[in-house]
Amino acid sequence: MKPNNKAKNQKGSVMNGVVDLRVFRAGAEAGQEEAGHIEVKPSQAYYLGYYVKVVGKVVLWIALYLWLNSLWHVSLVVLCVPLGVQALFTGFKAWSLACVSYRLESERVIWRCGVFSRETGSIELFRVQNVGMSQTFFQRLGGVGVVTLVTQDPTNPFLHLMGMRRPEELRDRVNEYVMHQRRARGFREVFVN
């Protein structure tokens, strides 16, 4: 029996015309997801810069409290209130990122977000014109980034996939997937001066 030259068994490869995106899901094993369908969640490393700033603020508040307490007897409530408020804001920010998910399917990308209320939307992959990637300094340290899909959809001209692990590889794979969908539907770009 001849091996199938179209199917490759490498990470992130094309398998029978479907790009294998399982490599971008932590702990995803072969056969665990449907072929070409995968649920991707952002990494908390996306907010690494924010978390570093919060730690800096907390250190400053504690130092200010200790200094004020050495001059006058200051109640511990003066320290606990701003620390509690900061903890609530930081916790909500982390929780809201944990409630974001992206489902990459064979013909579309579906996203869901929202903590108390829920928003769901989708973009057909053949409508994607460009796939870009950006990383801040702290996102580079955390190994995550934002993959941006520029689309022809008037209601969703941009879709930002936040906190994606290995964003350069994901950008390349999604771009291959988009090109496959555009070729399958017979789309061609025409430039007019």
Foldseek 3Di string as FASTA:
>chain_A
DDDDPQADDDPQPQGPLATDPQVQAPPDDPPNDDGNKDKHAADPLLCVVVVVVLVVVLVVLVVVVVVVCVVPNDDCVSNVVVVVVSVVVVVVVSQQSRQWMWIGHLFKIWIWGDDPDIDIDIDGLLFFDAWDWDDDPSCVVVQFTWIWTQGPDPVDRIDIPTRTHNNVSVSVSSVSSSVSNNVVVVDDDDDDD
